[in-house]
Amino acid sequence: MREYLRHPSNIPVDVEVIEEPGVCPAQACDVSVAGLCCQVETPVKPGCDIRFRVPSLSFDYTGLGRVVWCRRRGQQYQLGIEFCSGRDAYRARMVEQVCQIEAYRQQVAENEGRILTGEEAAAEWIDRFAADFDKRFAMG
């Protein structure tokens, strides 16, 4: 059984192995308070320290992590990345909240035909779901 509840994510992430030059584009699969899983095109050895960035967010989110596992998935690889500090875990929680708000905004547009600004979607999402999100995200 998982120690931390993982939240599905489908956001682009840039992953940079600190010991090697170059950034490889990745797609986040899920995120938890302990780390994230993402899909990349080339394998990365477990134990490598990495820097990751979420370019699609309106603020510059970067974090540090360590690859704990790498598994081949078809022609790509999934990386299990452990956050290096509580600060990175806290920031990942904020990233996931932003992703949930964006998903809510899109769902409202599709299901209800209402077009919400980011601020409107955030206000509604916080009112409706933030308390439950906090409980679920903190589960260990």
N, C-alpha and C. Protein backbone atom coordinates (compact mmCIF):
# COMPACT_ATOMS: atom_id res chain seq x y z
N MET A 1 0.83 -1.19 0.00
CA MET A 1 0.00 0.00 0.00
C MET A 1 0.88 1.25 0.00
N ARG A 2 0.48 2.26 -0.76
CA ARG A 2 1.21 3.51 -0.86
C ARG A 2 1.23 4.26 0.47
N GLU A 3 2.37 4.87 0.76
CA GLU A 3 2.47 5.67 1.97
C GLU A 3 1.77 7.01 1.81
N TYR A 4 1.80 7.58 0.61
CA TYR A 4 1.19 8.89 0.36
C TYR A 4 0.20 8.79 -0.78
N LEU A 5 -0.89 9.50 -0.64
CA LEU A 5 -1.89 9.56 -1.70
C LEU A 5 -1.32 10.32 -2.88
N ARG A 6 -1.43 9.74 -4.06
CA ARG A 6 -0.94 10.39 -5.27
C ARG A 6 -2.11 11.01 -6.01
N HIS A 7 -1.86 12.17 -6.60
CA HIS A 7 -2.87 12.89 -7.36
C HIS A 7 -2.48 12.88 -8.82
N PRO A 8 -3.37 12.42 -9.70
CA PRO A 8 -3.04 12.43 -11.12
C PRO A 8 -2.75 13.84 -11.61
N SER A 9 -1.76 13.95 -12.44
CA SER A 9 -1.39 15.23 -13.04
C SER A 9 -1.07 14.97 -14.50
N ASN A 10 -1.31 15.95 -15.30
CA ASN A 10 -0.99 15.82 -16.71
C ASN A 10 -0.39 17.14 -17.16
N ILE A 11 0.69 17.53 -16.51
CA ILE A 11 1.31 18.82 -16.82
C ILE A 11 2.73 18.59 -17.33
N PRO A 12 3.18 19.43 -18.24
CA PRO A 12 4.55 19.31 -18.72
C PRO A 12 5.53 19.71 -17.62
N VAL A 13 6.63 18.99 -17.57
CA VAL A 13 7.68 19.24 -16.59
C VAL A 13 9.02 19.17 -17.32
N ASP A 14 9.92 20.10 -17.03
CA ASP A 14 11.29 19.99 -17.54
C ASP A 14 12.13 19.34 -16.46
N VAL A 15 12.87 18.30 -16.84
CA VAL A 15 13.73 17.58 -15.90
C VAL A 15 15.17 17.75 -16.35
N GLU A 16 16.01 18.16 -15.41
CA GLU A 16 17.44 18.34 -15.71
C GLU A 16 18.24 17.53 -14.70
N VAL A 17 19.04 16.58 -15.21
CA VAL A 17 19.94 15.84 -14.35
C VAL A 17 21.09 16.78 -14.01
N ILE A 18 21.28 17.04 -12.74
CA ILE A 18 22.24 18.06 -12.31
C ILE A 18 23.66 17.73 -12.76
N GLU A 19 24.03 16.44 -12.77
CA GLU A 19 25.38 16.04 -13.16
C GLU A 19 25.60 16.07 -14.67
N GLU A 20 24.54 16.24 -15.44
CA GLU A 20 24.65 16.22 -16.90
C GLU A 20 23.98 17.47 -17.47
N PRO A 21 24.58 18.06 -18.50
CA PRO A 21 23.95 19.24 -19.10
C PRO A 21 22.71 18.87 -19.91
N GLY A 22 21.79 19.81 -20.01
CA GLY A 22 20.61 19.61 -20.86
C GLY A 22 19.35 19.31 -20.07
N VAL A 23 18.26 19.78 -20.63
CA VAL A 23 16.95 19.58 -20.03
C VAL A 23 16.19 18.60 -20.90
N CYS A 24 15.51 17.65 -20.27
CA CYS A 24 14.68 16.75 -21.06
C CYS A 24 13.22 17.02 -20.71
N PRO A 25 12.40 17.22 -21.74
CA PRO A 25 10.98 17.43 -21.50
C PRO A 25 10.36 16.17 -20.93
N ALA A 26 9.42 16.34 -20.02
CA ALA A 26 8.75 15.22 -19.38
C ALA A 26 7.27 15.56 -19.23
N GLN A 27 6.50 14.55 -18.92
CA GLN A 27 5.08 14.73 -18.64
C GLN A 27 4.82 14.14 -17.26
N ALA A 28 4.29 14.96 -16.36
CA ALA A 28 3.98 14.47 -15.02
C ALA A 28 2.86 13.45 -15.11
N CYS A 29 2.97 12.39 -14.33
CA CYS A 29 1.91 11.38 -14.25
C CYS A 29 1.11 11.56 -12.97
N ASP A 30 1.82 11.78 -11.88
CA ASP A 30 1.15 12.05 -10.61
C ASP A 30 2.13 12.72 -9.65
N VAL A 31 1.56 13.26 -8.57
CA VAL A 31 2.34 13.98 -7.58
C VAL A 31 1.78 13.67 -6.20
N SER A 32 2.66 13.64 -5.20
CA SER A 32 2.24 13.46 -3.82
C SER A 32 3.10 14.37 -2.96
N VAL A 33 2.89 14.34 -1.66
CA VAL A 33 3.70 15.17 -0.78
C VAL A 33 5.15 14.68 -0.73
N ALA A 34 5.41 13.46 -1.16
CA ALA A 34 6.77 12.92 -1.11
C ALA A 34 7.53 13.05 -2.42
N GLY A 35 6.82 13.15 -3.54
CA GLY A 35 7.52 13.21 -4.81
C GLY A 35 6.58 13.21 -5.98
N LEU A 36 7.15 12.96 -7.15
CA LEU A 36 6.34 12.92 -8.36
C LEU A 36 6.82 11.83 -9.27
N CYS A 37 5.94 11.44 -10.16
CA CYS A 37 6.25 10.46 -11.19
C CYS A 37 6.08 11.18 -12.52
N CYS A 38 7.05 11.02 -13.41
CA CYS A 38 6.92 11.65 -14.72
C CYS A 38 7.46 10.71 -15.78
N GLN A 39 7.06 10.99 -17.00
CA GLN A 39 7.45 10.18 -18.15
C GLN A 39 8.46 10.95 -18.98
N VAL A 40 9.57 10.28 -19.34
CA VAL A 40 10.64 10.88 -20.14
C VAL A 40 11.01 9.94 -21.28
N GLU A 41 11.78 10.46 -22.23
CA GLU A 41 12.16 9.64 -23.39
C GLU A 41 13.44 8.85 -23.18
N THR A 42 14.30 9.29 -22.26
CA THR A 42 15.55 8.59 -22.02
C THR A 42 15.65 8.19 -20.55
N PRO A 43 16.28 7.06 -20.27
CA PRO A 43 16.37 6.63 -18.87
C PRO A 43 17.30 7.52 -18.04
N VAL A 44 17.01 7.60 -16.76
CA VAL A 44 17.85 8.32 -15.81
C VAL A 44 18.15 7.36 -14.66
N LYS A 45 19.42 7.24 -14.31
CA LYS A 45 19.81 6.29 -13.27
C LYS A 45 19.27 6.68 -11.91
N PRO A 46 18.73 5.71 -11.16
CA PRO A 46 18.34 5.99 -9.78
C PRO A 46 19.54 6.54 -8.99
N GLY A 47 19.26 7.48 -8.12
CA GLY A 47 20.31 8.13 -7.32
C GLY A 47 20.74 9.47 -7.90
N CYS A 48 20.40 9.74 -9.16
CA CYS A 48 20.78 11.02 -9.76
C CYS A 48 19.95 12.15 -9.15
N ASP A 49 20.63 13.24 -8.86
CA ASP A 49 19.94 14.44 -8.40
C ASP A 49 19.43 15.19 -9.62
N ILE A 50 18.21 15.70 -9.50
CA ILE A 50 17.61 16.41 -10.63
C ILE A 50 17.01 17.73 -10.17
N ARG A 51 16.88 18.62 -11.13
CA ARG A 51 16.15 19.87 -10.95
C ARG A 51 14.96 19.78 -11.89
N PHE A 52 13.78 20.13 -11.43
CA PHE A 52 12.62 20.09 -12.30
C PHE A 52 11.91 21.43 -12.27
N ARG A 53 11.24 21.73 -13.36
CA ARG A 53 10.54 23.00 -13.53
C ARG A 53 9.21 22.73 -14.21
N VAL A 54 8.20 23.49 -13.80
CA VAL A 54 6.87 23.37 -14.40
C VAL A 54 6.64 24.64 -15.23
N PRO A 55 6.95 24.59 -16.54
CA PRO A 55 6.92 25.81 -17.35
C PRO A 55 5.52 26.37 -17.62
N SER A 56 4.48 25.55 -17.48
CA SER A 56 3.15 26.02 -17.83
C SER A 56 2.48 26.87 -16.76
N LEU A 57 3.07 26.93 -15.58
CA LEU A 57 2.45 27.72 -14.52
C LEU A 57 2.84 29.18 -14.66
N SER A 58 1.98 30.05 -14.15
CA SER A 58 2.21 31.48 -14.30
C SER A 58 3.36 31.97 -13.42
N PHE A 59 3.75 31.19 -12.42
CA PHE A 59 4.90 31.56 -11.61
C PHE A 59 6.02 30.56 -11.89
N ASP A 60 7.23 30.96 -11.58
CA ASP A 60 8.38 30.12 -11.91
C ASP A 60 8.57 29.08 -10.82
N TYR A 61 8.04 27.87 -11.02
CA TYR A 61 8.17 26.80 -10.05
C TYR A 61 9.32 25.90 -10.43
N THR A 62 10.29 25.77 -9.54
CA THR A 62 11.37 24.81 -9.72
C THR A 62 11.54 24.06 -8.41
N GLY A 63 12.07 22.88 -8.50
CA GLY A 63 12.30 22.07 -7.31
C GLY A 63 13.48 21.15 -7.52
N LEU A 64 13.93 20.56 -6.43
CA LEU A 64 15.03 19.61 -6.46
C LEU A 64 14.53 18.25 -6.02
N GLY A 65 15.07 17.22 -6.64
CA GLY A 65 14.67 15.87 -6.27
C GLY A 65 15.76 14.88 -6.58
N ARG A 66 15.47 13.64 -6.27
CA ARG A 66 16.39 12.54 -6.53
C ARG A 66 15.59 11.41 -7.18
N VAL A 67 16.13 10.84 -8.24
CA VAL A 67 15.48 9.72 -8.91
C VAL A 67 15.60 8.49 -8.02
N VAL A 68 14.47 7.90 -7.67
CA VAL A 68 14.50 6.70 -6.83
C VAL A 68 14.23 5.43 -7.63
N TRP A 69 13.58 5.56 -8.76
CA TRP A 69 13.41 4.43 -9.66
C TRP A 69 13.18 4.94 -11.09
N CYS A 70 13.48 4.06 -12.04
CA CYS A 70 13.27 4.35 -13.47
C CYS A 70 12.79 3.06 -14.11
N ARG A 71 11.60 3.12 -14.75
CA ARG A 71 11.00 1.93 -15.35
C ARG A 71 10.65 2.20 -16.81
N ARG A 72 10.98 1.25 -17.65
CA ARG A 72 10.64 1.36 -19.07
C ARG A 72 9.13 1.18 -19.22
N ARG A 73 8.50 2.05 -20.00
CA ARG A 73 7.07 1.97 -20.33
C ARG A 73 6.95 2.15 -21.84
N GLY A 74 6.92 1.04 -22.55
CA GLY A 74 6.89 1.11 -24.00
C GLY A 74 8.20 1.69 -24.50
N GLN A 75 8.12 2.79 -25.26
CA GLN A 75 9.33 3.43 -25.77
C GLN A 75 9.79 4.58 -24.90
N GLN A 76 9.14 4.78 -23.75
CA GLN A 76 9.53 5.84 -22.84
C GLN A 76 9.85 5.25 -21.47
N TYR A 77 10.16 6.12 -20.53
CA TYR A 77 10.52 5.69 -19.18
C TYR A 77 9.74 6.52 -18.17
N GLN A 78 9.35 5.88 -17.08
CA GLN A 78 8.75 6.60 -15.98
C GLN A 78 9.79 6.72 -14.88
N LEU A 79 9.88 7.93 -14.33
CA LEU A 79 10.81 8.21 -13.23
C LEU A 79 10.03 8.44 -11.95
N GLY A 80 10.47 7.83 -10.88
CA GLY A 80 9.97 8.14 -9.55
C GLY A 80 10.95 9.12 -8.93
N ILE A 81 10.49 10.32 -8.63
CA ILE A 81 11.35 11.37 -8.12
C ILE A 81 10.92 11.72 -6.70
N GLU A 82 11.87 11.65 -5.79
CA GLU A 82 11.62 12.00 -4.39
C GLU A 82 12.05 13.45 -4.18
N PHE A 83 11.18 14.26 -3.56
CA PHE A 83 11.54 15.64 -3.27
C PHE A 83 12.67 15.66 -2.25
N CYS A 84 13.57 16.62 -2.39
CA CYS A 84 14.74 16.69 -1.50
C CYS A 84 14.46 17.44 -0.20
N SER A 85 13.39 18.18 -0.13
CA SER A 85 13.12 18.92 1.10
C SER A 85 11.63 19.11 1.29
N GLY A 86 11.25 19.42 2.52
CA GLY A 86 9.86 19.72 2.81
C GLY A 86 9.37 20.90 2.00
N ARG A 87 10.25 21.84 1.73
CA ARG A 87 9.88 23.01 0.93
C ARG A 87 9.43 22.59 -0.46
N ASP A 88 10.15 21.64 -1.08
CA ASP A 88 9.76 21.16 -2.40
C ASP A 88 8.43 20.43 -2.33
N ALA A 89 8.19 19.67 -1.26
CA ALA A 89 6.91 18.97 -1.12
C ALA A 89 5.79 19.99 -0.97
N TYR A 90 6.02 21.04 -0.20
CA TYR A 90 5.00 22.08 -0.03
C TYR A 90 4.70 22.73 -1.38
N ARG A 91 5.74 23.04 -2.13
CA ARG A 91 5.54 23.67 -3.43
C ARG A 91 4.83 22.74 -4.40
N ALA A 92 5.12 21.43 -4.32
CA ALA A 92 4.43 20.47 -5.17
C ALA A 92 2.94 20.46 -4.85
N ARG A 93 2.61 20.60 -3.59
CA ARG A 93 1.21 20.66 -3.17
C ARG A 93 0.53 21.87 -3.81
N MET A 94 1.23 22.99 -3.83
CA MET A 94 0.68 24.20 -4.46
C MET A 94 0.51 23.99 -5.96
N VAL A 95 1.48 23.35 -6.58
CA VAL A 95 1.39 23.07 -8.02
C VAL A 95 0.17 22.21 -8.29
N GLU A 96 -0.03 21.17 -7.48
CA GLU A 96 -1.17 20.29 -7.69
C GLU A 96 -2.48 21.05 -7.51
N GLN A 97 -2.52 21.95 -6.55
CA GLN A 97 -3.73 22.75 -6.34
C GLN A 97 -4.03 23.59 -7.59
N VAL A 98 -3.01 24.21 -8.15
CA VAL A 98 -3.20 25.00 -9.36
C VAL A 98 -3.71 24.12 -10.49
N CYS A 99 -3.18 22.91 -10.60
CA CYS A 99 -3.63 21.99 -11.64
C CYS A 99 -5.08 21.58 -11.43
N GLN A 100 -5.46 21.35 -10.19
CA GLN A 100 -6.84 20.99 -9.88
C GLN A 100 -7.79 22.14 -10.23
N ILE A 101 -7.37 23.35 -9.94
CA ILE A 101 -8.19 24.53 -10.26
C ILE A 101 -8.36 24.66 -11.77
N GLU A 102 -7.30 24.45 -12.52
CA GLU A 102 -7.38 24.53 -13.98
C GLU A 102 -8.30 23.43 -14.52
N ALA A 103 -8.19 22.23 -13.98
CA ALA A 103 -9.06 21.13 -14.41
C ALA A 103 -10.52 21.47 -14.09
N TYR A 104 -10.76 22.08 -12.94
CA TYR A 104 -12.11 22.50 -12.56
C TYR A 104 -12.63 23.54 -13.55
N ARG A 105 -11.79 24.52 -13.90
CA ARG A 105 -12.19 25.56 -14.85
C ARG A 105 -12.61 24.94 -16.18
N GLN A 106 -11.83 23.98 -16.67
CA GLN A 106 -12.15 23.32 -17.93
C GLN A 106 -13.41 22.47 -17.82
N GLN A 107 -13.59 21.80 -16.69
CA GLN A 107 -14.78 20.97 -16.47
C GLN A 107 -16.05 21.83 -16.45
N VAL A 108 -15.99 22.97 -15.79
CA VAL A 108 -17.14 23.88 -15.74
C VAL A 108 -17.47 24.37 -17.15
N ALA A 109 -16.46 24.69 -17.93
CA ALA A 109 -16.70 25.16 -19.30
C ALA A 109 -17.37 24.06 -20.13
N GLU A 110 -16.89 22.83 -20.01
CA GLU A 110 -17.45 21.72 -20.80
C GLU A 110 -18.85 21.33 -20.33
N ASN A 111 -19.03 21.21 -19.01
CA ASN A 111 -20.29 20.69 -18.46
C ASN A 111 -21.37 21.74 -18.29
N GLU A 112 -20.97 22.98 -17.99
CA GLU A 112 -21.96 24.01 -17.68
C GLU A 112 -21.97 25.15 -18.69
N GLY A 113 -20.97 25.19 -19.55
CA GLY A 113 -20.90 26.26 -20.53
C GLY A 113 -20.48 27.61 -19.93
N ARG A 114 -20.02 27.60 -18.69
CA ARG A 114 -19.56 28.85 -18.06
C ARG A 114 -18.06 29.00 -18.28
N ILE A 115 -17.67 30.17 -18.72
CA ILE A 115 -16.26 30.46 -18.92
C ILE A 115 -15.79 31.28 -17.72
N LEU A 116 -14.91 30.67 -16.92
CA LEU A 116 -14.41 31.32 -15.71
C LEU A 116 -13.00 31.83 -15.93
N THR A 117 -12.68 32.97 -15.33
CA THR A 117 -11.29 33.42 -15.30
C THR A 117 -10.56 32.54 -14.30
N GLY A 118 -9.26 32.61 -14.29
CA GLY A 118 -8.48 31.86 -13.32
C GLY A 118 -8.86 32.22 -11.89
N GLU A 119 -9.08 33.50 -11.65
CA GLU A 119 -9.44 33.96 -10.31
C GLU A 119 -10.81 33.45 -9.89
N GLU A 120 -11.78 33.48 -10.82
CA GLU A 120 -13.12 32.99 -10.53
C GLU A 120 -13.10 31.48 -10.25
N ALA A 121 -12.36 30.75 -11.09
CA ALA A 121 -12.25 29.31 -10.89
C ALA A 121 -11.60 28.99 -9.54
N ALA A 122 -10.55 29.73 -9.21
CA ALA A 122 -9.87 29.51 -7.92
C ALA A 122 -10.82 29.76 -6.76
N ALA A 123 -11.57 30.85 -6.81
CA ALA A 123 -12.50 31.17 -5.72
C ALA A 123 -13.54 30.07 -5.56
N GLU A 124 -14.13 29.59 -6.66
CA GLU A 124 -15.13 28.53 -6.59
C GLU A 124 -14.51 27.22 -6.11
N TRP A 125 -13.36 26.88 -6.66
CA TRP A 125 -12.71 25.61 -6.30
C TRP A 125 -12.35 25.62 -4.81
N ILE A 126 -11.79 26.71 -4.34
CA ILE A 126 -11.41 26.80 -2.93
C ILE A 126 -12.64 26.65 -2.04
N ASP A 127 -13.73 27.32 -2.40
CA ASP A 127 -14.96 27.25 -1.62
C ASP A 127 -15.52 25.82 -1.59
N ARG A 128 -15.45 25.13 -2.72
CA ARG A 128 -16.07 23.81 -2.83
C ARG A 128 -15.16 22.65 -2.42
N PHE A 129 -13.87 22.74 -2.73
CA PHE A 129 -13.02 21.55 -2.64
C PHE A 129 -11.76 21.68 -1.78
N ALA A 130 -11.36 22.86 -1.40
CA ALA A 130 -10.06 23.03 -0.73
C ALA A 130 -9.95 22.24 0.56
N ALA A 131 -10.98 22.23 1.39
CA ALA A 131 -10.90 21.52 2.67
C ALA A 131 -10.69 20.02 2.45
N ASP A 132 -11.43 19.45 1.50
CA ASP A 132 -11.28 18.02 1.20
C ASP A 132 -9.92 17.74 0.58
N PHE A 133 -9.45 18.62 -0.29
CA PHE A 133 -8.14 18.47 -0.92
C PHE A 133 -7.05 18.43 0.15
N ASP A 134 -7.12 19.35 1.11
CA ASP A 134 -6.12 19.39 2.18
C ASP A 134 -6.09 18.08 2.96
N LYS A 135 -7.26 17.51 3.25
CA LYS A 135 -7.33 16.24 3.98
C LYS A 135 -6.72 15.11 3.15
N ARG A 136 -7.09 15.05 1.87
CA ARG A 136 -6.59 13.98 1.01
C ARG A 136 -5.11 14.10 0.74
N PHE A 137 -4.63 15.31 0.53
CA PHE A 137 -3.22 15.50 0.18
C PHE A 137 -2.32 15.19 1.36
N ALA A 138 -2.79 15.40 2.58
CA ALA A 138 -1.97 15.21 3.78
C ALA A 138 -1.97 13.77 4.27
N MET A 139 -2.78 12.92 3.66
CA MET A 139 -2.85 11.53 4.14
C MET A 139 -1.50 10.85 3.97
N GLY A 140 -1.14 10.06 4.91
CA GLY A 140 0.11 9.31 4.82
C GLY A 140 -0.10 7.86 5.06
